[in-house]
């Protein structure tokens, strides 16, 4: 590994993963970079919500000298379609191999109100968006408003998807967890792609 990579890790290589669990009104964000140890390098770590832009802005001082005088690093992370409680503080921790950020939710992601809200949003945007983007049945997300808490419901959904795409095999890993992943953007860059939480599944072809 070159010294240039270690001295100037690219913000474009920061990867994010959002995670939340059923019945728990907490949304966790994990940030990873293959060449960075956050606990040693990320000083004055902080994060702030930009709800009008559906993003979280994360910043820290790249403290390689230990004097707190390094460059300030900014990352932008798209926030999934959940009800974040803006009155609660954003908690940040720099671990050895990742950054962890915790947000409070107004309601858990599996709350009936959230299911209804997703249904409204999906009905307004779903079919038109799929036609415009040219998405196939293979790429359709698993909806959360179809009894996602019950394994039987998962099996029914998997069966229906299999009828549309016989070569697609969905294996349930955890019916109580939702997740979404992608890559972060530098603060100076343009718009971010939207993300949405989906049940944790293993997909095999």
C-alpha atoms as a PDB file:
ATOM      1  CA  UNK A   1       0.000   0.000   0.000  1.00  0.00           C
ATOM      2  CA  UNK A   2       1.464   3.359  -1.038  1.00  0.00           C
ATOM      3  CA  UNK A   3       2.248   6.112   1.451  1.00  0.00           C
ATOM      4  CA  UNK A   4       0.112   8.549  -0.595  1.00  0.00           C
ATOM      5  CA  UNK A   5      -2.995   6.462   0.086  1.00  0.00           C
ATOM      6  CA  UNK A   6      -2.293   6.397   3.820  1.00  0.00           C
ATOM      7  CA  UNK A   7      -1.550  10.121   3.990  1.00  0.00           C
ATOM      8  CA  UNK A   8      -4.497  11.233   1.840  1.00  0.00           C
ATOM      9  CA  UNK A   9      -7.326   8.678   1.983  1.00  0.00           C
ATOM     10  CA  UNK A  10      -9.959   9.500  -0.619  1.00  0.00           C
ATOM     11  CA  UNK A  11     -13.380  10.530   0.761  1.00  0.00           C
ATOM     12  CA  UNK A  12     -14.923   8.660  -2.166  1.00  0.00           C
ATOM     13  CA  UNK A  13     -13.809   5.369  -0.606  1.00  0.00           C
ATOM     14  CA  UNK A  14     -15.844   5.921   2.567  1.00  0.00           C
ATOM     15  CA  UNK A  15     -18.713   3.444   2.583  1.00  0.00           C
ATOM     16  CA  UNK A  16     -21.829   3.775   4.732  1.00  0.00           C
ATOM     17  CA  UNK A  17     -24.314   1.290   6.151  1.00  0.00           C
ATOM     18  CA  UNK A  18     -27.559   2.285   7.865  1.00  0.00           C
ATOM     19  CA  UNK A  19     -29.053  -0.260  10.269  1.00  0.00           C
ATOM     20  CA  UNK A  20     -32.109  -0.415  12.498  1.00  0.00           C
ATOM     21  CA  UNK A  21     -33.974  -3.148  14.383  1.00  0.00           C
ATOM     22  CA  UNK A  22     -37.671  -3.855  14.731  1.00  0.00           C
ATOM     23  CA  UNK A  23     -39.484  -2.149  17.635  1.00  0.00           C
ATOM     24  CA  UNK A  24     -36.431   0.018  18.465  1.00  0.00           C
ATOM     25  CA  UNK A  25     -36.618   3.748  17.549  1.00  0.00           C
ATOM     26  CA  UNK A  26     -32.901   4.038  16.828  1.00  0.00           C
ATOM     27  CA  UNK A  27     -31.114   4.374  13.494  1.00  0.00           C
ATOM     28  CA  UNK A  28     -27.391   3.603  13.388  1.00  0.00           C
ATOM     29  CA  UNK A  29     -24.921   4.685  10.732  1.00  0.00           C
ATOM     30  CA  UNK A  30     -21.579   2.938  10.216  1.00  0.00           C
ATOM     31  CA  UNK A  31     -18.835   4.538   8.113  1.00  0.00           C
ATOM     32  CA  UNK A  32     -15.925   2.445   6.835  1.00  0.00           C
ATOM     33  CA  UNK A  33     -12.703   3.207   4.957  1.00  0.00           C
ATOM     34  CA  UNK A  34     -10.155   0.471   4.160  1.00  0.00           C
ATOM     35  CA  UNK A  35      -7.162   2.744   4.854  1.00  0.00           C
ATOM     36  CA  UNK A  36      -8.341   4.681   7.923  1.00  0.00           C
ATOM     37  CA  UNK A  37      -8.404   3.901  11.654  1.00  0.00           C
ATOM     38  CA  UNK A  38     -10.921   6.510  12.906  1.00  0.00           C
ATOM     39  CA  UNK A  39     -10.084   6.215  16.608  1.00  0.00           C
ATOM     40  CA  UNK A  40      -6.527   7.372  15.890  1.00  0.00           C
ATOM     41  CA  UNK A  41      -7.117   9.858  13.075  1.00  0.00           C
ATOM     42  CA  UNK A  42     -10.585  11.415  13.410  1.00  0.00           C
ATOM     43  CA  UNK A  43     -10.486  14.260  15.942  1.00  0.00           C
ATOM     44  CA  UNK A  44     -13.454  16.459  16.911  1.00  0.00           C
ATOM     45  CA  UNK A  45     -15.895  14.096  15.218  1.00  0.00           C
ATOM     46  CA  UNK A  46     -19.356  15.604  14.744  1.00  0.00           C
ATOM     47  CA  UNK A  47     -22.481  15.132  12.637  1.00  0.00           C
ATOM     48  CA  UNK A  48     -25.447  17.343  11.804  1.00  0.00           C
ATOM     49  CA  UNK A  49     -28.744  16.628  10.084  1.00  0.00           C
ATOM     50  CA  UNK A  50     -29.926  18.409   6.944  1.00  0.00           C
ATOM     51  CA  UNK A  51     -33.490  17.145   6.924  1.00  0.00           C
ATOM     52  CA  UNK A  52     -34.524  19.466   4.087  1.00  0.00           C
ATOM     53  CA  UNK A  53     -31.931  17.698   1.926  1.00  0.00           C
ATOM     54  CA  UNK A  54     -32.391  14.210   3.456  1.00  0.00           C
ATOM     55  CA  UNK A  55     -28.731  13.943   4.366  1.00  0.00           C
ATOM     56  CA  UNK A  56     -26.359  13.746   7.307  1.00  0.00           C
ATOM     57  CA  UNK A  57     -23.205  15.887   7.233  1.00  0.00           C
ATOM     58  CA  UNK A  58     -20.260  14.304   9.044  1.00  0.00           C
ATOM     59  CA  UNK A  59     -17.028  16.163   9.789  1.00  0.00           C
ATOM     60  CA  UNK A  60     -13.797  15.702  11.714  1.00  0.00           C
ATOM     61  CA  UNK A  61     -10.203  16.919  11.887  1.00  0.00           C
ATOM     62  CA  UNK A  62      -7.710  14.625  10.166  1.00  0.00           C
ATOM     63  CA  UNK A  63      -5.488  14.556  13.255  1.00  0.00           C
ATOM     64  CA  UNK A  64      -2.426  12.607  12.100  1.00  0.00           C
ATOM     65  CA  UNK A  65      -0.004  14.645  14.217  1.00  0.00           C
ATOM     66  CA  UNK A  66      -2.014  14.362  17.442  1.00  0.00           C
ATOM     67  CA  UNK A  67      -2.081  18.149  17.763  1.00  0.00           C
ATOM     68  CA  UNK A  68      -5.611  18.702  16.425  1.00  0.00           C
ATOM     69  CA  UNK A  69      -4.366  20.950  13.612  1.00  0.00           C
ATOM     70  CA  UNK A  70      -5.020  18.800  10.526  1.00  0.00           C
ATOM     71  CA  UNK A  71      -7.369  19.366   7.617  1.00  0.00           C
ATOM     72  CA  UNK A  72     -11.121  19.251   8.188  1.00  0.00           C
ATOM     73  CA  UNK A  73     -12.828  16.358   6.392  1.00  0.00           C
ATOM     74  CA  UNK A  74     -16.487  16.549   5.359  1.00  0.00           C
ATOM     75  CA  UNK A  75     -18.708  13.701   4.196  1.00  0.00           C
ATOM     76  CA  UNK A  76     -22.342  13.693   3.159  1.00  0.00           C
ATOM     77  CA  UNK A  77     -24.485  10.615   3.697  1.00  0.00           C
ATOM     78  CA  UNK A  78     -28.047  10.225   2.335  1.00  0.00           C
ATOM     79  CA  UNK A  79     -30.618   9.533   5.069  1.00  0.00           C
ATOM     80  CA  UNK A  80     -33.247   6.837   4.371  1.00  0.00           C
ATOM     81  CA  UNK A  81     -36.980   7.498   4.448  1.00  0.00           C
ATOM     82  CA  UNK A  82     -37.577   7.336   8.204  1.00  0.00           C
ATOM     83  CA  UNK A  83     -38.914   9.765  10.806  1.00  0.00           C
ATOM     84  CA  UNK A  84     -35.800  11.124  12.526  1.00  0.00           C
ATOM     85  CA  UNK A  85     -36.355  13.010  15.791  1.00  0.00           C
ATOM     86  CA  UNK A  86     -34.477  16.323  15.293  1.00  0.00           C
ATOM     87  CA  UNK A  87     -34.859  17.253  18.971  1.00  0.00           C
ATOM     88  CA  UNK A  88     -32.529  14.437  20.076  1.00  0.00           C
ATOM     89  CA  UNK A  89     -28.744  14.853  19.889  1.00  0.00           C
ATOM     90  CA  UNK A  90     -26.738  13.003  17.259  1.00  0.00           C
ATOM     91  CA  UNK A  91     -24.288  10.611  18.945  1.00  0.00           C
ATOM     92  CA  UNK A  92     -20.890  10.000  17.290  1.00  0.00           C
ATOM     93  CA  UNK A  93     -18.112   7.537  18.132  1.00  0.00           C
ATOM     94  CA  UNK A  94     -14.815   6.883  16.357  1.00  0.00           C
ATOM     95  CA  UNK A  95     -13.900   3.207  16.691  1.00  0.00           C
ATOM     96  CA  UNK A  96     -10.751   1.437  15.545  1.00  0.00           C
ATOM     97  CA  UNK A  97     -12.138   0.316  12.175  1.00  0.00           C
ATOM     98  CA  UNK A  98     -15.298   2.396  11.712  1.00  0.00           C
ATOM     99  CA  UNK A  99     -17.275   5.461  12.730  1.00  0.00           C
ATOM    100  CA  UNK A 100     -20.620   4.902  14.443  1.00  0.00           C
ATOM    101  CA  UNK A 101     -23.369   7.538  14.493  1.00  0.00           C
ATOM    102  CA  UNK A 102     -26.704   7.069  16.250  1.00  0.00           C
ATOM    103  CA  UNK A 103     -29.941   8.923  15.485  1.00  0.00           C
ATOM    104  CA  UNK A 104     -33.205   8.777  17.420  1.00  0.00           C
ATOM    105  CA  UNK A 105     -36.385   7.988  15.500  1.00  0.00           C
ATOM    106  CA  UNK A 106     -39.876   9.254  16.219  1.00  0.00           C
ATOM    107  CA  UNK A 107     -41.223   5.768  15.450  1.00  0.00           C
ATOM    108  CA  UNK A 108     -39.565   2.396  14.811  1.00  0.00           C
ATOM    109  CA  UNK A 109     -39.315   1.476  11.152  1.00  0.00           C
ATOM    110  CA  UNK A 110     -41.833  -1.379  11.598  1.00  0.00           C
ATOM    111  CA  UNK A 111     -44.501   0.783  13.302  1.00  0.00           C
ATOM    112  CA  UNK A 112     -47.922   0.607  11.543  1.00  0.00           C
ATOM    113  CA  UNK A 113     -47.845   4.360  10.890  1.00  0.00           C
ATOM    114  CA  UNK A 114     -44.523   3.967   9.082  1.00  0.00           C
ATOM    115  CA  UNK A 115     -45.940   1.078   7.071  1.00  0.00           C
ATOM    116  CA  UNK A 116     -48.885   3.229   5.987  1.00  0.00           C
ATOM    117  CA  UNK A 117     -46.576   6.115   5.113  1.00  0.00           C
ATOM    118  CA  UNK A 118     -44.418   3.868   2.978  1.00  0.00           C
ATOM    119  CA  UNK A 119     -47.502   2.580   1.237  1.00  0.00           C
ATOM    120  CA  UNK A 120     -48.581   6.104   0.298  1.00  0.00           C
ATOM    121  CA  UNK A 121     -45.120   7.062  -0.958  1.00  0.00           C
ATOM    122  CA  UNK A 122     -44.732   3.852  -2.913  1.00  0.00           C
ATOM    123  CA  UNK A 123     -48.146   4.179  -4.556  1.00  0.00           C
ATOM    124  CA  UNK A 124     -47.358   7.737  -5.659  1.00  0.00           C
ATOM    125  CA  UNK A 125     -43.846   7.086  -6.964  1.00  0.00           C
ATOM    126  CA  UNK A 126     -43.520   3.367  -7.475  1.00  0.00           C
ATOM    127  CA  UNK A 127     -44.937   2.447 -10.851  1.00  0.00           C
ATOM    128  CA  UNK A 128     -43.925   5.639 -12.640  1.00  0.00           C
ATOM    129  CA  UNK A 129     -40.416   5.466 -11.198  1.00  0.00           C
ATOM    130  CA  UNK A 130     -39.980   1.836 -12.211  1.00  0.00           C
ATOM    131  CA  UNK A 131     -41.064   2.595 -15.785  1.00  0.00           C
ATOM    132  CA  UNK A 132     -38.831   5.650 -16.093  1.00  0.00           C
ATOM    133  CA  UNK A 133     -35.784   3.890 -14.655  1.00  0.00           C
ATOM    134  CA  UNK A 134     -36.393   0.669 -16.564  1.00  0.00           C
ATOM    135  CA  UNK A 135     -36.204  -1.503 -13.453  1.00  0.00           C
ATOM    136  CA  UNK A 136     -36.917  -5.191 -13.848  1.00  0.00           C
ATOM    137  CA  UNK A 137     -38.782  -7.457 -11.439  1.00  0.00           C
ATOM    138  CA  UNK A 138     -35.389  -8.718 -10.230  1.00  0.00           C
ATOM    139  CA  UNK A 139     -34.593  -5.279  -8.778  1.00  0.00           C
ATOM    140  CA  UNK A 140     -37.897  -4.553  -7.061  1.00  0.00           C
ATOM    141  CA  UNK A 141     -37.368  -3.854  -3.330  1.00  0.00           C
ATOM    142  CA  UNK A 142     -39.182  -6.013  -0.826  1.00  0.00           C
ATOM    143  CA  UNK A 143     -42.023  -3.839   0.550  1.00  0.00           C
ATOM    144  CA  UNK A 144     -42.256  -3.392   4.311  1.00  0.00           C
ATOM    145  CA  UNK A 145     -46.041  -3.017   4.365  1.00  0.00           C
ATOM    146  CA  UNK A 146     -46.746  -6.708   3.738  1.00  0.00           C
ATOM    147  CA  UNK A 147     -46.330  -8.176   7.215  1.00  0.00           C
ATOM    148  CA  UNK A 148     -42.551  -8.033   7.147  1.00  0.00           C
ATOM    149  CA  UNK A 149     -42.307  -9.109  10.794  1.00  0.00           C
ATOM    150  CA  UNK A 150     -43.502 -12.622  10.078  1.00  0.00           C
ATOM    151  CA  UNK A 151     -41.347 -15.224   8.386  1.00  0.00           C
ATOM    152  CA  UNK A 152     -44.423 -16.687   6.720  1.00  0.00           C
ATOM    153  CA  UNK A 153     -45.053 -13.367   5.003  1.00  0.00           C
ATOM    154  CA  UNK A 154     -41.465 -13.351   3.785  1.00  0.00           C
ATOM    155  CA  UNK A 155     -41.921 -16.809   2.312  1.00  0.00           C
ATOM    156  CA  UNK A 156     -45.053 -15.682   0.475  1.00  0.00           C
ATOM    157  CA  UNK A 157     -43.246 -12.645  -0.936  1.00  0.00           C
ATOM    158  CA  UNK A 158     -40.276 -14.780  -1.959  1.00  0.00           C
ATOM    159  CA  UNK A 159     -42.629 -17.228  -3.674  1.00  0.00           C
ATOM    160  CA  UNK A 160     -44.284 -14.401  -5.628  1.00  0.00           C
ATOM    161  CA  UNK A 161     -40.916 -12.990  -6.673  1.00  0.00           C
ATOM    162  CA  UNK A 162     -39.787 -16.449  -7.736  1.00  0.00           C
ATOM    163  CA  UNK A 163     -42.808 -16.691 -10.036  1.00  0.00           C
ATOM    164  CA  UNK A 164     -41.671 -13.490 -11.765  1.00  0.00           C
ATOM    165  CA  UNK A 165     -37.950 -14.367 -11.768  1.00  0.00           C
ATOM    166  CA  UNK A 166     -37.481 -18.158 -11.534  1.00  0.00           C
ATOM    167  CA  UNK A 167     -33.689 -17.829 -11.329  1.00  0.00           C
ATOM    168  CA  UNK A 168     -33.863 -15.557  -8.298  1.00  0.00           C
ATOM    169  CA  UNK A 169     -33.427 -17.089  -4.840  1.00  0.00           C
ATOM    170  CA  UNK A 170     -34.083 -14.979  -1.749  1.00  0.00           C
ATOM    171  CA  UNK A 171     -32.968 -16.366   1.600  1.00  0.00           C
ATOM    172  CA  UNK A 172     -34.238 -14.741   4.797  1.00  0.00           C
ATOM    173  CA  UNK A 173     -31.414 -13.869   7.185  1.00  0.00           C
ATOM    174  CA  UNK A 174     -33.143 -11.732   9.798  1.00  0.00           C
ATOM    175  CA  UNK A 175     -36.771 -10.592   9.748  1.00  0.00           C
ATOM    176  CA  UNK A 176     -36.107  -8.122  12.565  1.00  0.00           C
ATOM    177  CA  UNK A 177     -33.403  -6.032  10.897  1.00  0.00           C
ATOM    178  CA  UNK A 178     -33.347  -3.453   8.103  1.00  0.00           C
ATOM    179  CA  UNK A 179     -30.286  -2.123   6.332  1.00  0.00           C
ATOM    180  CA  UNK A 180     -29.041   0.066   3.473  1.00  0.00           C
ATOM    181  CA  UNK A 181     -25.509   0.658   2.148  1.00  0.00           C
ATOM    182  CA  UNK A 182     -23.644   2.831  -0.329  1.00  0.00           C
ATOM    183  CA  UNK A 183     -20.756   5.261  -0.754  1.00  0.00           C
ATOM    184  CA  UNK A 184     -20.409   8.687   0.855  1.00  0.00           C
ATOM    185  CA  UNK A 185     -19.830  11.917  -1.060  1.00  0.00           C
ATOM    186  CA  UNK A 186     -17.486  14.801  -0.468  1.00  0.00           C
ATOM    187  CA  UNK A 187     -19.225  17.842   0.951  1.00  0.00           C
ATOM    188  CA  UNK A 188     -18.558  19.901  -2.182  1.00  0.00           C
ATOM    189  CA  UNK A 189     -20.239  17.469  -4.560  1.00  0.00           C
ATOM    190  CA  UNK A 190     -23.766  17.682  -5.983  1.00  0.00           C
ATOM    191  CA  UNK A 191     -26.938  15.772  -5.201  1.00  0.00           C
ATOM    192  CA  UNK A 192     -26.929  12.355  -3.543  1.00  0.00           C
ATOM    193  CA  UNK A 193     -28.791   9.253  -4.613  1.00  0.00           C
ATOM    194  CA  UNK A 194     -31.714   8.395  -2.343  1.00  0.00           C
ATOM    195  CA  UNK A 195     -31.479   5.337  -0.107  1.00  0.00           C
ATOM    196  CA  UNK A 196     -34.164   3.273   1.580  1.00  0.00           C
ATOM    197  CA  UNK A 197     -34.039   0.663   4.324  1.00  0.00           C
ATOM    198  CA  UNK A 198     -34.851  -2.879   3.253  1.00  0.00           C
ATOM    199  CA  UNK A 199     -35.211  -6.148   5.196  1.00  0.00           C
ATOM    200  CA  UNK A 200     -31.906  -7.976   5.559  1.00  0.00           C
ATOM    201  CA  UNK A 201     -31.936 -10.666   2.866  1.00  0.00           C
ATOM    202  CA  UNK A 202     -29.393 -12.820   1.100  1.00  0.00           C
ATOM    203  CA  UNK A 203     -29.854 -12.849  -2.682  1.00  0.00           C
ATOM    204  CA  UNK A 204     -28.498 -15.692  -4.783  1.00  0.00           C
ATOM    205  CA  UNK A 205     -28.802 -16.323  -8.517  1.00  0.00           C
END
